[in-house]
Amino acid sequence: MKYVTCPLGQTLVAQLTGYAPGNQKALDDSKLLREHCEQRPNYARGVKQLPMMTG
């Protein structure tokens, strides 16, 4: 479980499934999901709404 919830694990899950990551560090790191979001505006739109979903 530790690997799946770490930034790298969340990056792989998000890229392979399309699910939103549960780890903000994965989104902040340019080597992980930040570039993925920049290349996919529709995916990034959902990710930007995470704070509304999580409070």
PDB file of N, CA and C in Angstrom:
ATOM      1  N   MET A   1       0.807  -1.188   0.000  1.00  0.00           N
ATOM      2  CA  MET A   1       0.000   0.000   0.000  1.00  0.00           C
ATOM      3  C   MET A   1       0.858   1.263   0.000  1.00  0.00           C
ATOM      4  N   LYS A   2       2.014   1.199   0.632  1.00  0.00           N
ATOM      5  CA  LYS A   2       2.851   2.400   0.690  1.00  0.00           C
ATOM      6  C   LYS A   2       3.259   2.839  -0.707  1.00  0.00           C
ATOM      7  N   TYR A   3       3.577   1.881  -1.577  1.00  0.00           N
ATOM      8  CA  TYR A   3       4.014   2.245  -2.927  1.00  0.00           C
ATOM      9  C   TYR A   3       2.867   2.884  -3.713  1.00  0.00           C
ATOM     10  N   VAL A   4       1.684   2.325  -3.596  1.00  0.00           N
ATOM     11  CA  VAL A   4       0.545   2.830  -4.359  1.00  0.00           C
ATOM     12  C   VAL A   4       0.193   4.256  -3.951  1.00  0.00           C
ATOM     13  N   THR A   5       0.407   4.598  -2.704  1.00  0.00           N
ATOM     14  CA  THR A   5       0.049   5.938  -2.237  1.00  0.00           C
ATOM     15  C   THR A   5       1.196   6.942  -2.335  1.00  0.00           C
ATOM     16  N   CYS A   6       2.400   6.484  -2.660  1.00  0.00           N
ATOM     17  CA  CYS A   6       3.525   7.415  -2.806  1.00  0.00           C
ATOM     18  C   CYS A   6       3.375   8.173  -4.123  1.00  0.00           C
ATOM     19  N   PRO A   7       4.090   9.268  -4.317  1.00  0.00           N
ATOM     20  CA  PRO A   7       3.956  10.053  -5.549  1.00  0.00           C
ATOM     21  C   PRO A   7       4.164   9.248  -6.836  1.00  0.00           C
ATOM     22  N   LEU A   8       5.172   8.389  -6.857  1.00  0.00           N
ATOM     23  CA  LEU A   8       5.422   7.598  -8.063  1.00  0.00           C
ATOM     24  C   LEU A   8       4.288   6.613  -8.309  1.00  0.00           C
ATOM     25  N   GLY A   9       3.834   5.952  -7.268  1.00  0.00           N
ATOM     26  CA  GLY A   9       2.716   5.022  -7.394  1.00  0.00           C
ATOM     27  C   GLY A   9       1.452   5.718  -7.877  1.00  0.00           C
ATOM     28  N   GLN A  10       1.173   6.894  -7.343  1.00  0.00           N
ATOM     29  CA  GLN A  10      -0.005   7.652  -7.753  1.00  0.00           C
ATOM     30  C   GLN A  10       0.120   8.113  -9.197  1.00  0.00           C
ATOM     31  N   THR A  11       1.331   8.416  -9.633  1.00  0.00           N
ATOM     32  CA  THR A  11       1.553   8.796 -11.026  1.00  0.00           C
ATOM     33  C   THR A  11       1.200   7.640 -11.955  1.00  0.00           C
ATOM     34  N   LEU A  12       1.697   6.463 -11.636  1.00  0.00           N
ATOM     35  CA  LEU A  12       1.414   5.300 -12.477  1.00  0.00           C
ATOM     36  C   LEU A  12      -0.070   4.976 -12.505  1.00  0.00           C
ATOM     37  N   VAL A  13      -0.718   4.999 -11.362  1.00  0.00           N
ATOM     38  CA  VAL A  13      -2.155   4.712 -11.301  1.00  0.00           C
ATOM     39  C   VAL A  13      -2.931   5.735 -12.123  1.00  0.00           C
ATOM     40  N   ALA A  14      -2.611   7.002 -11.966  1.00  0.00           N
ATOM     41  CA  ALA A  14      -3.315   8.051 -12.690  1.00  0.00           C
ATOM     42  C   ALA A  14      -3.106   7.935 -14.197  1.00  0.00           C
ATOM     43  N   GLN A  15      -1.897   7.668 -14.618  1.00  0.00           N
ATOM     44  CA  GLN A  15      -1.610   7.579 -16.053  1.00  0.00           C
ATOM     45  C   GLN A  15      -2.239   6.342 -16.680  1.00  0.00           C
ATOM     46  N   LEU A  16      -2.258   5.244 -15.956  1.00  0.00           N
ATOM     47  CA  LEU A  16      -2.761   3.995 -16.533  1.00  0.00           C
ATOM     48  C   LEU A  16      -4.270   3.847 -16.444  1.00  0.00           C
ATOM     49  N   THR A  17      -4.888   4.503 -15.483  1.00  0.00           N
ATOM     50  CA  THR A  17      -6.326   4.325 -15.288  1.00  0.00           C
ATOM     51  C   THR A  17      -7.146   5.580 -15.580  1.00  0.00           C
ATOM     52  N   GLY A  18      -6.520   6.751 -15.505  1.00  0.00           N
ATOM     53  CA  GLY A  18      -7.257   7.996 -15.672  1.00  0.00           C
ATOM     54  C   GLY A  18      -7.850   8.514 -14.381  1.00  0.00           C
ATOM     55  N   TYR A  19      -7.686   7.758 -13.287  1.00  0.00           N
ATOM     56  CA  TYR A  19      -8.180   8.220 -11.985  1.00  0.00           C
ATOM     57  C   TYR A  19      -7.380   9.427 -11.511  1.00  0.00           C
ATOM     58  N   ALA A  20      -8.014  10.248 -10.720  1.00  0.00           N
ATOM     59  CA  ALA A  20      -7.317  11.394 -10.131  1.00  0.00           C
ATOM     60  C   ALA A  20      -6.383  10.901  -9.036  1.00  0.00           C
ATOM     61  N   PRO A  21      -5.196  11.467  -8.935  1.00  0.00           N
ATOM     62  CA  PRO A  21      -4.252  11.036  -7.904  1.00  0.00           C
ATOM     63  C   PRO A  21      -4.686  11.513  -6.525  1.00  0.00           C
ATOM     64  N   GLY A  22      -4.346  10.745  -5.541  1.00  0.00           N
ATOM     65  CA  GLY A  22      -4.660  11.118  -4.165  1.00  0.00           C
ATOM     66  C   GLY A  22      -3.472  11.738  -3.458  1.00  0.00           C
ATOM     67  N   ASN A  23      -2.424  12.025  -4.201  1.00  0.00           N
ATOM     68  CA  ASN A  23      -1.206  12.552  -3.618  1.00  0.00           C
ATOM     69  C   ASN A  23      -0.812  13.835  -4.356  1.00  0.00           C
ATOM     70  N   GLN A  24      -0.881  14.959  -3.677  1.00  0.00           N
ATOM     71  CA  GLN A  24      -0.568  16.252  -4.288  1.00  0.00           C
ATOM     72  C   GLN A  24       0.882  16.329  -4.757  1.00  0.00           C
ATOM     73  N   LYS A  25       1.765  15.617  -4.088  1.00  0.00           N
ATOM     74  CA  LYS A  25       3.184  15.651  -4.475  1.00  0.00           C
ATOM     75  C   LYS A  25       3.379  15.139  -5.897  1.00  0.00           C
ATOM     76  N   ALA A  26       2.576  14.196  -6.315  1.00  0.00           N
ATOM     77  CA  ALA A  26       2.673  13.682  -7.678  1.00  0.00           C
ATOM     78  C   ALA A  26       2.310  14.759  -8.691  1.00  0.00           C
ATOM     79  N   LEU A  27       1.388  15.634  -8.333  1.00  0.00           N
ATOM     80  CA  LEU A  27       0.974  16.711  -9.236  1.00  0.00           C
ATOM     81  C   LEU A  27       1.975  17.849  -9.266  1.00  0.00           C
ATOM     82  N   ASP A  28       2.659  18.063  -8.173  1.00  0.00           N
ATOM     83  CA  ASP A  28       3.594  19.178  -8.070  1.00  0.00           C
ATOM     84  C   ASP A  28       4.932  18.905  -8.745  1.00  0.00           C
ATOM     85  N   ASP A  29       5.293  17.648  -8.903  1.00  0.00           N
ATOM     86  CA  ASP A  29       6.600  17.274  -9.440  1.00  0.00           C
ATOM     87  C   ASP A  29       6.569  17.271 -10.969  1.00  0.00           C
ATOM     88  N   SER A  30       7.451  18.048 -11.577  1.00  0.00           N
ATOM     89  CA  SER A  30       7.479  18.142 -13.040  1.00  0.00           C
ATOM     90  C   SER A  30       7.863  16.815 -13.695  1.00  0.00           C
ATOM     91  N   LYS A  31       8.534  15.940 -12.972  1.00  0.00           N
ATOM     92  CA  LYS A  31       8.919  14.648 -13.533  1.00  0.00           C
ATOM     93  C   LYS A  31       7.788  13.632 -13.428  1.00  0.00           C
ATOM     94  N   LEU A  32       6.757  13.958 -12.668  1.00  0.00           N
ATOM     95  CA  LEU A  32       5.671  13.011 -12.474  1.00  0.00           C
ATOM     96  C   LEU A  32       4.421  13.471 -13.229  1.00  0.00           C
ATOM     97  N   LEU A  33       3.402  13.932 -12.552  1.00  0.00           N
ATOM     98  CA  LEU A  33       2.132  14.223 -13.206  1.00  0.00           C
ATOM     99  C   LEU A  33       1.961  15.635 -13.744  1.00  0.00           C
ATOM    100  N   ARG A  34       2.784  16.558 -13.359  1.00  0.00           N
ATOM    101  CA  ARG A  34       2.598  17.927 -13.851  1.00  0.00           C
ATOM    102  C   ARG A  34       2.657  17.964 -15.377  1.00  0.00           C
ATOM    103  N   GLU A  35       3.645  17.330 -15.953  1.00  0.00           N
ATOM    104  CA  GLU A  35       3.773  17.309 -17.412  1.00  0.00           C
ATOM    105  C   GLU A  35       2.598  16.559 -18.046  1.00  0.00           C
ATOM    106  N   HIS A  36       2.185  15.478 -17.424  1.00  0.00           N
ATOM    107  CA  HIS A  36       1.038  14.692 -17.899  1.00  0.00           C
ATOM    108  C   HIS A  36      -0.205  15.591 -17.975  1.00  0.00           C
ATOM    109  N   CYS A  37      -0.417  16.412 -16.958  1.00  0.00           N
ATOM    110  CA  CYS A  37      -1.562  17.318 -16.917  1.00  0.00           C
ATOM    111  C   CYS A  37      -1.443  18.423 -17.962  1.00  0.00           C
ATOM    112  N   GLU A  38      -0.249  18.921 -18.158  1.00  0.00           N
ATOM    113  CA  GLU A  38      -0.041  19.986 -19.144  1.00  0.00           C
ATOM    114  C   GLU A  38      -0.333  19.503 -20.561  1.00  0.00           C
ATOM    115  N   GLN A  39      -0.065  18.238 -20.831  1.00  0.00           N
ATOM    116  CA  GLN A  39      -0.283  17.678 -22.159  1.00  0.00           C
ATOM    117  C   GLN A  39      -1.726  17.245 -22.382  1.00  0.00           C
ATOM    118  N   ARG A  40      -2.484  17.107 -21.299  1.00  0.00           N
ATOM    119  CA  ARG A  40      -3.865  16.641 -21.387  1.00  0.00           C
ATOM    120  C   ARG A  40      -4.794  17.606 -20.646  1.00  0.00           C
ATOM    121  N   PRO A  41      -5.248  18.646 -21.308  1.00  0.00           N
ATOM    122  CA  PRO A  41      -6.049  19.671 -20.645  1.00  0.00           C
ATOM    123  C   PRO A  41      -7.339  19.138 -20.012  1.00  0.00           C
ATOM    124  N   ASN A  42      -7.966  18.146 -20.611  1.00  0.00           N
ATOM    125  CA  ASN A  42      -9.194  17.608 -20.018  1.00  0.00           C
ATOM    126  C   ASN A  42      -8.904  16.889 -18.702  1.00  0.00           C
ATOM    127  N   TYR A  43      -7.799  16.193 -18.647  1.00  0.00           N
ATOM    128  CA  TYR A  43      -7.416  15.526 -17.406  1.00  0.00           C
ATOM    129  C   TYR A  43      -7.075  16.575 -16.341  1.00  0.00           C
ATOM    130  N   ALA A  44      -6.362  17.595 -16.747  1.00  0.00           N
ATOM    131  CA  ALA A  44      -5.958  18.658 -15.819  1.00  0.00           C
ATOM    132  C   ALA A  44      -7.171  19.369 -15.234  1.00  0.00           C
ATOM    133  N   ARG A  45      -8.221  19.521 -16.013  1.00  0.00           N
ATOM    134  CA  ARG A  45      -9.427  20.189 -15.526  1.00  0.00           C
ATOM    135  C   ARG A  45     -10.011  19.433 -14.334  1.00  0.00           C
ATOM    136  N   GLY A  46     -10.058  18.126 -14.421  1.00  0.00           N
ATOM    137  CA  GLY A  46     -10.566  17.323 -13.306  1.00  0.00           C
ATOM    138  C   GLY A  46      -9.665  17.398 -12.082  1.00  0.00           C
ATOM    139  N   VAL A  47      -8.378  17.394 -12.310  1.00  0.00           N
ATOM    140  CA  VAL A  47      -7.415  17.462 -11.216  1.00  0.00           C
ATOM    141  C   VAL A  47      -7.530  18.804 -10.473  1.00  0.00           C
ATOM    142  N   LYS A  48      -7.773  19.874 -11.217  1.00  0.00           N
ATOM    143  CA  LYS A  48      -7.919  21.194 -10.595  1.00  0.00           C
ATOM    144  C   LYS A  48      -9.145  21.255  -9.687  1.00  0.00           C
ATOM    145  N   GLN A  49     -10.098  20.364  -9.893  1.00  0.00           N
ATOM    146  CA  GLN A  49     -11.302  20.340  -9.075  1.00  0.00           C
ATOM    147  C   GLN A  49     -11.156  19.478  -7.822  1.00  0.00           C
ATOM    148  N   LEU A  50     -10.021  18.830  -7.649  1.00  0.00           N
ATOM    149  CA  LEU A  50      -9.808  17.987  -6.462  1.00  0.00           C
ATOM    150  C   LEU A  50     -10.063  18.704  -5.149  1.00  0.00           C
ATOM    151  N   PRO A  51      -9.603  19.948  -4.961  1.00  0.00           N
ATOM    152  CA  PRO A  51      -9.870  20.623  -3.683  1.00  0.00           C
ATOM    153  C   PRO A  51     -11.361  20.757  -3.382  1.00  0.00           C
ATOM    154  N   MET A  52     -12.175  20.904  -4.401  1.00  0.00           N
ATOM    155  CA  MET A  52     -13.615  21.001  -4.183  1.00  0.00           C
ATOM    156  C   MET A  52     -14.200  19.671  -3.719  1.00  0.00           C
ATOM    157  N   MET A  53     -13.595  18.569  -4.167  1.00  0.00           N
ATOM    158  CA  MET A  53     -14.086  17.242  -3.806  1.00  0.00           C
ATOM    159  C   MET A  53     -13.611  16.819  -2.420  1.00  0.00           C
ATOM    160  N   THR A  54     -12.437  17.286  -2.058  1.00  0.00           N
ATOM    161  CA  THR A  54     -11.841  16.820  -0.807  1.00  0.00           C
ATOM    162  C   THR A  54     -11.992  17.808   0.333  1.00  0.00           C
ATOM    163  N   GLY A  55     -12.559  18.952   0.064  1.00  0.00           N
ATOM    164  CA  GLY A  55     -12.818  19.929   1.126  1.00  0.00           C
ATOM    165  C   GLY A  55     -11.705  20.827   1.320  1.00  0.00           C
TER     166      GLY A  55
END
